[in-house]
Amino acid sequence: MLRLKKDIFAAKIKRMKSIHIGIIREEKSPADSRVPITPKQAKEILEKFPQISITVEPSEARCYKDAEYLAAGITVSADLSACNILMGVKEVPKEKFIAGKTYYFFSHTIKKQPYNKEMLQAVLKQKMDLVDYECLRNANGQRIIGFGRFAGIVGAHNALRAYGLRHKSFELPAAHNSKDFDELKEIYGKTDFPAIKIVNTGIGKVAKGATEMLKSAGIREVNHTDFINKNYEEAVFTQLHYRDMYCHCETGKFETSDFYGNPSTYRCDFKAFYQAAEIFINGIYWDPAGPKYFSLEEMQREDFKIEIIADVTCDIAPDSSVPSTIRPTKIGNDLMGFDPTTGLETELFSPGSITLMSVDNLPNELPRDASASFGVSIIDAVIPEMLAEKSEIIANATIASKGSLTEKYQYLSDFVA
């Protein structure tokens, strides 16, 4: 039976097309050090899929060095002309594109992000295919690839670290100064956290990553009712999904399909949580047509207890569920002060201010861990789709092809016009 399965797999491999993948250098400033495929994974791909060739563009900024790829038997070369698929992580500067190629990266264009308008225009002008990792989804609409887990892990870590700095009650190192998540776990085990209440939104990979971090720090999860009504002598957190915060303006009920289709007809009941929590970790997708968690006016209330906001989603106001997210913060300078009375940035930890963390590339603080996790999904879920003669998953994630927006993304026409 085992031999039969191997024969079937071998026959399937022979029917797949050949591709040459180029791992491009990250050139968005500041440079990201993550990679889509690690040296070990690149070697595994070559061994498992003989139709695939891989060339790595040299880079001094990667968390995995050129020498590590060479040691794994992977070609490192500045010449990517033979590659038909070019894979990166962050957006590619428009002047660095190679015309006619197929690119895979996080494009940050599907919400009509203005800062990437010219990049998408360049994709169309140079007749390239653009596949967005964020849009790679299975038949149930679930994302099959992403850095969400480590965005949540680092976001929660930064939130706790910010609280310790604000109150001078404990110290945690910056994640980017740590070797990996295992090293951070050892530090958590030696840290005494005060009685903090933390609210974490979402049930996706980001929220699960945040929950993983909080539990690894020994912080106990409690139900929503107890979180709101009870006092604790230890740090606790609760996790919220849409149904726990939103209800229809008229019926007071929550219907999943109706909420997704008509978010503007719902209201957000977050008041009881901002009256109870000191830390808010935001890791849930938000539709700009829906209601915000709270208003700027609510943030000025005496019963608004939240002091630390870790906005992992990093949607920038006014198109943000969090009014204080007025700009992204950066690794190495990840915290800013926000004055709710003026709606403006203020001195960090100043009286009456909210401490905000809104880094938009959080996984890059633990780049080797995050890259290895991402690469597993590339091998398991994306490579087979790349090799197939036809893939609905890739077709649905292709924003542009050969100079035109694909049918699914025609709504971006006015954006790039």
Protein backbone atom coordinates (compact mmCIF):
# COMPACT_ATOMS: atom_id res chain seq x y z
CA MET A 1 0.00 0.00 0.00
CA LEU A 2 2.82 2.44 0.91
CA ARG A 3 4.57 1.75 -2.41
CA LEU A 4 1.30 2.32 -4.27
CA LYS A 5 0.85 5.71 -2.59
CA LYS A 6 4.43 6.68 -3.51
CA ASP A 7 3.81 5.64 -7.13
CA ILE A 8 0.62 7.71 -7.26
CA PHE A 9 2.44 10.73 -5.79
CA ALA A 10 5.30 10.31 -8.28
CA ALA A 11 2.86 10.12 -11.17
CA LYS A 12 1.08 13.25 -9.96
CA ILE A 13 4.39 15.10 -9.69
CA LYS A 14 5.26 14.20 -13.30
CA ARG A 15 2.00 15.78 -14.51
CA MET A 16 2.75 19.09 -12.78
CA LYS A 17 4.32 22.00 -14.63
CA SER A 18 7.86 23.25 -14.03
CA ILE A 19 8.56 26.57 -12.33
CA HIS A 20 11.61 28.58 -11.34
CA ILE A 21 11.15 30.52 -8.11
CA GLY A 22 13.22 33.56 -7.25
CA ILE A 23 13.41 34.74 -3.63
CA ILE A 24 13.74 38.49 -4.00
CA ARG A 25 15.59 40.91 -1.76
CA GLU A 26 13.32 43.01 0.51
CA GLU A 27 13.81 46.60 -0.60
CA LYS A 28 10.96 48.48 1.01
CA SER A 29 12.36 50.96 3.53
CA PRO A 30 12.93 50.14 6.29
CA ALA A 31 14.06 46.73 5.05
CA ASP A 32 12.19 43.69 6.33
CA SER A 33 14.37 40.76 7.37
CA ARG A 34 11.79 37.99 6.92
CA VAL A 35 11.88 35.46 4.08
CA PRO A 36 9.07 33.44 2.47
CA ILE A 37 11.19 30.27 2.41
CA THR A 38 14.08 29.41 4.74
CA PRO A 39 17.27 27.66 3.51
CA LYS A 40 16.17 24.35 5.02
CA GLN A 41 12.75 24.65 3.42
CA ALA A 42 14.23 25.58 0.04
CA LYS A 43 16.28 22.39 0.13
CA GLU A 44 13.16 20.42 1.10
CA ILE A 45 11.25 21.87 -1.86
CA LEU A 46 13.97 20.91 -4.34
CA GLU A 47 14.04 17.37 -2.97
CA LYS A 48 10.26 16.98 -2.90
CA PHE A 49 9.41 18.74 -6.18
CA PRO A 50 11.92 18.05 -8.96
CA GLN A 51 10.07 20.45 -11.30
CA ILE A 52 11.06 23.40 -9.14
CA SER A 53 14.26 25.45 -9.32
CA ILE A 54 15.08 28.15 -6.77
CA THR A 55 17.39 31.15 -7.00
CA VAL A 56 17.92 33.52 -4.08
CA GLU A 57 18.78 37.16 -4.72
CA PRO A 58 21.68 38.26 -2.47
CA SER A 59 20.76 40.33 0.58
CA GLU A 60 22.54 41.59 3.67
CA ALA A 61 19.29 42.36 5.51
CA ARG A 62 17.77 38.87 5.75
CA CYS A 63 17.49 37.00 9.01
CA TYR A 64 18.79 33.98 7.04
CA LYS A 65 22.11 34.85 5.43
CA ASP A 66 23.23 34.11 1.88
CA ALA A 67 25.79 31.66 3.26
CA GLU A 68 23.00 29.62 4.87
CA TYR A 69 21.26 29.23 1.50
CA LEU A 70 24.52 28.29 -0.18
CA ALA A 71 25.21 25.73 2.55
CA ALA A 72 21.79 24.20 1.81
CA GLY A 73 22.71 23.85 -1.87
CA ILE A 74 20.57 26.78 -3.09
CA THR A 75 21.75 29.06 -5.90
CA VAL A 76 22.38 32.65 -4.81
CA SER A 77 22.53 35.08 -7.71
CA ALA A 78 21.57 38.65 -8.61
CA ASP A 79 20.35 37.40 -12.00
CA LEU A 80 16.67 36.45 -11.67
CA SER A 81 15.89 36.61 -15.38
CA ALA A 82 15.28 32.86 -15.61
CA CYS A 83 12.73 32.92 -12.78
CA ASN A 84 9.06 33.03 -13.73
CA ILE A 85 7.81 33.43 -10.15
CA LEU A 86 9.34 35.99 -7.78
CA MET A 87 8.46 35.71 -4.09
CA GLY A 88 8.99 38.29 -1.37
CA VAL A 89 7.28 39.42 1.82
CA LYS A 90 6.55 43.17 1.79
CA GLU A 91 5.62 45.45 -1.10
CA VAL A 92 8.11 45.79 -3.96
CA PRO A 93 9.24 49.34 -4.86
CA LYS A 94 7.83 50.08 -8.30
CA GLU A 95 11.26 50.76 -9.80
CA LYS A 96 12.45 47.27 -8.78
CA PHE A 97 9.86 45.28 -10.75
CA ILE A 98 10.93 43.00 -13.59
CA ALA A 99 8.36 43.25 -16.37
CA GLY A 100 6.34 40.17 -17.27
CA LYS A 101 7.07 38.21 -14.08
CA THR A 102 4.60 36.76 -11.59
CA TYR A 103 5.03 38.24 -8.12
CA TYR A 104 3.90 36.89 -4.76
CA PHE A 105 3.94 39.29 -1.79
CA PHE A 106 1.67 41.20 0.60
CA SER A 107 0.58 44.03 -1.69
CA HIS A 108 -1.64 45.99 0.74
CA THR A 109 -3.80 47.23 -2.13
CA ILE A 110 -7.15 45.45 -1.73
CA LYS A 111 -8.48 48.17 0.60
CA LYS A 112 -7.31 50.84 -1.86
CA GLN A 113 -4.41 51.81 0.38
CA PRO A 114 -3.27 55.13 -1.14
CA TYR A 115 0.43 54.61 -0.38
CA ASN A 116 0.52 51.62 -2.77
CA LYS A 117 -1.48 53.12 -5.62
CA GLU A 118 1.57 53.84 -7.78
CA MET A 119 2.95 50.36 -7.12
CA LEU A 120 -0.24 48.74 -8.41
CA GLN A 121 -0.22 51.06 -11.42
CA ALA A 122 3.32 49.87 -12.17
CA VAL A 123 2.20 46.22 -11.92
CA LEU A 124 -0.45 46.90 -14.58
CA LYS A 125 1.83 48.97 -16.80
CA GLN A 126 4.55 46.31 -16.84
CA LYS A 127 2.01 43.52 -17.49
CA MET A 128 2.94 41.46 -14.46
CA ASP A 129 0.85 38.98 -12.50
CA LEU A 130 0.37 39.94 -8.84
CA VAL A 131 -0.68 37.27 -6.35
CA ASP A 132 -1.40 38.58 -2.87
CA TYR A 133 -0.67 36.22 0.04
CA GLU A 134 -3.50 37.83 1.99
CA CYS A 135 -6.00 36.67 -0.64
CA LEU A 136 -4.92 33.02 -0.75
CA ARG A 137 -7.95 31.32 0.81
CA ASN A 138 -9.45 27.86 0.92
CA ALA A 139 -12.97 26.88 -0.14
CA ASN A 140 -14.33 28.12 3.21
CA GLY A 141 -12.81 31.54 2.73
CA GLN A 142 -10.13 31.01 5.36
CA ARG A 143 -6.63 32.33 4.75
CA ILE A 144 -4.15 29.54 4.09
CA ILE A 145 -1.00 31.54 4.68
CA GLY A 146 0.21 34.47 6.72
CA PHE A 147 2.32 35.78 9.57
CA GLY A 148 -0.71 36.30 11.80
CA ARG A 149 0.38 34.01 14.61
CA PHE A 150 3.61 35.90 15.22
CA ALA A 151 1.93 39.27 14.75
CA GLY A 152 -0.31 38.29 17.65
CA ILE A 153 2.55 36.91 19.74
CA VAL A 154 4.69 40.03 19.35
CA GLY A 155 1.71 42.37 19.66
CA ALA A 156 0.72 40.87 23.01
CA HIS A 157 4.34 40.88 24.18
CA ASN A 158 4.68 44.56 23.29
CA ALA A 159 1.44 45.37 25.10
CA LEU A 160 2.67 43.78 28.32
CA ARG A 161 6.08 45.39 27.92
CA ALA A 162 4.42 48.80 27.46
CA TYR A 163 2.44 48.35 30.69
CA GLY A 164 5.62 47.48 32.59
CA LEU A 165 7.40 50.55 31.21
CA ARG A 166 4.47 52.86 31.89
CA HIS A 167 4.11 51.76 35.52
CA LYS A 168 7.75 50.79 36.14
CA SER A 169 6.39 47.56 37.62
CA PHE A 170 8.33 44.95 35.62
CA GLU A 171 10.71 44.78 32.66
CA LEU A 172 10.53 42.78 29.46
CA PRO A 173 13.07 43.00 26.63
CA ALA A 174 12.06 44.20 23.19
CA ALA A 175 11.15 41.16 21.12
CA HIS A 176 13.53 42.16 18.32
CA ASN A 177 16.42 42.03 20.81
CA SER A 178 15.58 38.43 21.70
CA LYS A 179 16.78 35.30 19.94
CA ASP A 180 13.36 33.72 19.54
CA PHE A 181 10.01 33.07 21.20
CA ASP A 182 11.48 30.30 23.37
CA GLU A 183 13.87 32.82 24.92
CA LEU A 184 10.94 35.12 25.69
CA LYS A 185 9.05 32.27 27.34
CA GLU A 186 11.95 31.72 29.71
CA ILE A 187 11.80 35.40 30.67
CA TYR A 188 8.05 35.24 31.28
CA GLY A 189 8.62 32.41 33.72
CA LYS A 190 10.84 34.70 35.80
CA THR A 191 8.52 37.72 35.69
CA ASP A 192 5.84 38.58 38.23
CA PHE A 193 2.97 40.31 36.48
CA PRO A 194 0.64 42.53 38.53
CA ALA A 195 -3.15 42.23 38.56
CA ILE A 196 -3.86 43.48 35.03
CA LYS A 197 -7.01 42.95 32.98
CA ILE A 198 -6.43 42.41 29.26
CA VAL A 199 -9.07 42.24 26.53
CA ASN A 200 -8.07 40.51 23.28
CA THR A 201 -10.30 40.69 20.17
CA GLY A 202 -10.56 38.06 17.45
CA ILE A 203 -10.47 34.30 16.94
CA GLY A 204 -8.16 34.19 13.92
CA LYS A 205 -4.43 33.55 13.77
CA VAL A 206 -3.53 36.97 15.17
CA ALA A 207 -5.79 36.61 18.20
CA LYS A 208 -4.70 33.01 18.73
CA GLY A 209 -1.08 34.14 18.65
CA ALA A 210 -1.84 36.78 21.29
CA THR A 211 -3.63 34.18 23.40
CA GLU A 212 -0.67 31.82 23.04
CA MET A 213 1.69 34.52 24.28
CA LEU A 214 -0.52 35.50 27.24
CA LYS A 215 -0.93 31.90 28.36
CA SER A 216 2.80 31.27 28.00
CA ALA A 217 3.28 34.19 30.41
CA GLY A 218 1.02 32.44 32.91
CA ILE A 219 -1.86 34.87 32.43
CA ARG A 220 -5.20 33.16 33.02
CA GLU A 221 -8.15 33.35 30.64
CA VAL A 222 -11.56 34.13 32.18
CA ASN A 223 -15.06 34.39 30.75
CA HIS A 224 -16.53 37.72 29.73
CA THR A 225 -18.92 38.08 32.65
CA ASP A 226 -16.28 37.43 35.28
CA PHE A 227 -13.84 39.71 33.49
CA ILE A 228 -16.30 42.59 33.67
CA ASN A 229 -17.62 42.01 37.18
CA LYS A 230 -14.87 40.44 39.27
CA ASN A 231 -11.66 41.80 40.76
CA TYR A 232 -8.55 39.64 40.62
CA GLU A 233 -5.24 39.49 42.43
CA GLU A 234 -3.54 38.15 39.30
CA ALA A 235 -3.28 39.12 35.63
CA VAL A 236 -6.21 37.83 33.54
CA PHE A 237 -7.50 38.19 30.00
CA THR A 238 -10.66 37.53 28.03
CA GLN A 239 -11.06 36.97 24.30
CA LEU A 240 -13.87 38.46 22.20
CA HIS A 241 -15.33 37.55 18.83
CA TYR A 242 -17.71 39.68 16.76
CA ARG A 243 -20.79 38.16 18.41
CA ASP A 244 -19.46 39.18 21.82
CA MET A 245 -19.28 42.86 20.88
CA TYR A 246 -21.78 43.58 18.13
CA CYS A 247 -25.56 43.42 17.88
CA HIS A 248 -28.12 44.63 15.37
CA CYS A 249 -29.31 48.18 16.00
CA GLU A 250 -32.98 47.16 15.82
CA THR A 251 -33.22 43.51 16.83
CA GLY A 252 -30.36 43.43 19.33
CA LYS A 253 -29.28 40.09 17.87
CA PHE A 254 -26.15 38.95 16.03
CA GLU A 255 -26.42 37.08 12.73
CA THR A 256 -23.04 36.18 11.24
CA SER A 257 -23.95 36.39 7.53
CA ASP A 258 -26.00 39.55 8.03
CA PHE A 259 -23.19 41.19 10.01
CA TYR A 260 -20.63 40.44 7.30
CA GLY A 261 -22.98 41.73 4.61
CA ASN A 262 -24.41 44.74 6.45
CA PRO A 263 -21.99 45.84 9.20
CA SER A 264 -23.38 49.39 9.18
CA THR A 265 -26.67 48.13 10.67
CA TYR A 266 -24.88 46.92 13.82
CA ARG A 267 -23.68 48.71 16.94
CA CYS A 268 -20.67 47.87 19.09
CA ASP A 269 -21.19 47.17 22.79
CA PHE A 270 -17.61 47.51 24.01
CA LYS A 271 -18.29 49.87 26.89
CA ALA A 272 -18.26 47.25 29.65
CA PHE A 273 -14.84 46.07 28.46
CA TYR A 274 -13.18 49.49 28.26
CA GLN A 275 -14.52 50.12 31.77
CA ALA A 276 -12.77 46.96 33.02
CA ALA A 277 -9.53 46.49 31.07
CA GLU A 278 -6.18 48.25 31.35
CA ILE A 279 -4.79 46.66 28.16
CA PHE A 280 -6.57 46.25 24.82
CA ILE A 281 -5.06 43.99 22.12
CA ASN A 282 -6.85 44.49 18.80
CA GLY A 283 -6.39 41.57 16.43
CA ILE A 284 -9.70 41.32 14.59
CA TYR A 285 -10.54 42.33 11.02
CA TRP A 286 -12.67 45.47 10.83
CA ASP A 287 -14.85 46.69 7.97
CA PRO A 288 -14.80 50.51 7.68
CA ALA A 289 -18.57 50.36 7.11
CA GLY A 290 -19.02 48.97 10.63
CA PRO A 291 -19.03 50.78 13.97
CA LYS A 292 -15.82 51.52 15.86
CA TYR A 293 -15.11 49.94 19.25
CA PHE A 294 -15.43 53.35 20.87
CA SER A 295 -15.34 57.00 19.91
CA LEU A 296 -12.76 59.65 20.66
CA GLU A 297 -15.31 61.21 23.03
CA GLU A 298 -15.61 57.93 24.92
CA MET A 299 -11.84 57.81 25.31
CA GLN A 300 -12.12 61.09 27.24
CA ARG A 301 -14.52 59.64 29.81
CA GLU A 302 -13.36 59.02 33.37
CA ASP A 303 -14.59 55.43 33.18
CA PHE A 304 -12.41 54.70 30.12
CA LYS A 305 -9.88 52.53 31.91
CA ILE A 306 -7.72 51.33 29.01
CA GLU A 307 -4.15 52.63 29.27
CA ILE A 308 -2.38 50.47 26.67
CA ILE A 309 -3.69 49.79 23.16
CA ALA A 310 -1.80 47.27 21.03
CA ASP A 311 -3.46 47.69 17.64
CA VAL A 312 -2.10 44.71 15.74
CA THR A 313 -4.42 45.39 12.79
CA CYS A 314 -2.77 48.81 12.34
CA ASP A 315 -5.60 50.27 10.27
CA ILE A 316 -4.94 54.01 10.29
CA ALA A 317 -7.65 56.45 11.37
CA PRO A 318 -10.12 57.52 10.16
CA ASP A 319 -10.41 54.08 8.53
CA SER A 320 -9.67 52.36 11.82
CA SER A 321 -11.73 50.66 14.50
CA VAL A 322 -9.53 52.45 17.06
CA PRO A 323 -9.53 56.29 16.94
CA SER A 324 -6.07 56.54 18.52
CA THR A 325 -4.32 54.68 15.69
CA ILE A 326 -3.30 57.82 13.83
CA ARG A 327 0.00 56.46 12.51
CA PRO A 328 2.02 53.26 12.49
CA THR A 329 4.86 52.97 14.98
CA LYS A 330 8.17 51.32 14.18
CA ILE A 331 10.26 48.45 15.51
CA GLY A 332 12.76 49.93 17.95
CA ASN A 333 10.43 52.86 18.60
CA ASP A 334 7.18 50.99 18.90
CA LEU A 335 5.31 53.12 21.44
CA MET A 336 3.71 56.55 21.17
CA GLY A 337 1.54 58.68 23.42
CA PHE A 338 -1.98 59.68 22.36
CA ASP A 339 -3.94 62.51 23.95
CA PRO A 340 -7.67 61.70 23.77
CA THR A 341 -8.63 65.29 24.58
CA THR A 342 -6.95 66.64 21.44
CA GLY A 343 -6.89 63.53 19.26
CA LEU A 344 -3.19 64.13 18.67
CA GLU A 345 0.11 62.47 19.48
CA THR A 346 1.65 63.53 22.77
CA GLU A 347 4.65 62.74 24.95
CA LEU A 348 4.94 59.07 25.82
CA PHE A 349 3.48 58.19 29.25
CA SER A 350 2.33 61.77 29.87
CA PRO A 351 -0.55 62.14 32.38
CA GLY A 352 -3.94 61.38 30.87
CA SER A 353 -2.43 59.87 27.71
CA ILE A 354 -3.05 56.47 26.13
CA THR A 355 0.01 54.40 25.21
CA LEU A 356 -0.33 53.09 21.65
CA MET A 357 1.59 50.30 19.88
CA SER A 358 0.77 50.08 16.16
CA VAL A 359 3.75 48.45 14.44
CA ASP A 360 2.68 47.27 10.98
CA ASN A 361 5.34 44.54 10.60
CA LEU A 362 5.30 42.93 14.04
CA PRO A 363 6.44 39.44 12.91
CA ASN A 364 9.72 41.03 11.85
CA GLU A 365 10.63 41.29 15.54
CA LEU A 366 10.99 37.48 15.60
CA PRO A 367 11.93 37.02 11.94
CA ARG A 368 13.47 33.54 11.98
CA ASP A 369 10.55 32.03 13.89
CA ALA A 370 8.00 33.86 11.75
CA SER A 371 9.72 32.94 8.46
CA ALA A 372 9.96 29.26 9.35
CA SER A 373 6.25 29.15 10.23
CA PHE A 374 5.32 30.98 7.03
CA GLY A 375 7.46 28.66 4.91
CA VAL A 376 5.65 25.59 6.23
CA SER A 377 2.41 26.99 4.81
CA ILE A 378 4.14 27.78 1.51
CA ILE A 379 5.24 24.17 1.16
CA ASP A 380 2.01 22.56 2.33
CA ALA A 381 -0.61 24.85 0.83
CA VAL A 382 0.88 27.05 -1.90
CA ILE A 383 3.54 25.08 -3.79
CA PRO A 384 1.07 22.34 -4.88
CA GLU A 385 -1.27 25.06 -6.18
CA MET A 386 1.59 26.71 -8.08
CA LEU A 387 2.42 23.43 -9.77
CA ALA A 388 -1.15 22.56 -10.73
CA GLU A 389 -2.26 23.27 -14.29
CA LYS A 390 -5.19 25.25 -12.89
CA SER A 391 -5.71 26.57 -9.38
CA GLU A 392 -8.82 28.37 -8.19
CA ILE A 393 -7.01 29.34 -5.00
CA ILE A 394 -4.29 31.19 -6.90
CA ALA A 395 -6.75 32.60 -9.44
CA ASN A 396 -8.82 34.12 -6.64
CA ALA A 397 -5.68 35.69 -5.12
CA THR A 398 -4.43 37.14 -8.42
CA ILE A 399 -5.14 40.87 -8.32
CA ALA A 400 -3.69 41.70 -11.72
CA SER A 401 -2.68 39.68 -14.75
CA LYS A 402 -0.94 40.73 -17.95
CA GLY A 403 -1.80 44.40 -17.65
CA SER A 404 -5.36 44.18 -16.34
CA LEU A 405 -7.13 43.81 -13.03
CA THR A 406 -8.74 40.39 -12.74
CA GLU A 407 -12.53 40.13 -12.55
CA LYS A 408 -12.64 39.76 -8.77
CA TYR A 409 -10.62 42.95 -8.27
CA GLN A 410 -12.28 45.18 -10.86
CA TYR A 411 -13.51 47.32 -7.96
CA LEU A 412 -9.94 48.72 -7.84
CA SER A 413 -10.35 50.27 -11.32
CA ASP A 414 -11.17 53.74 -10.04
CA PHE A 415 -8.30 53.46 -7.55
CA VAL A 416 -5.67 52.94 -10.26
CA ALA A 417 -7.31 55.09 -12.95
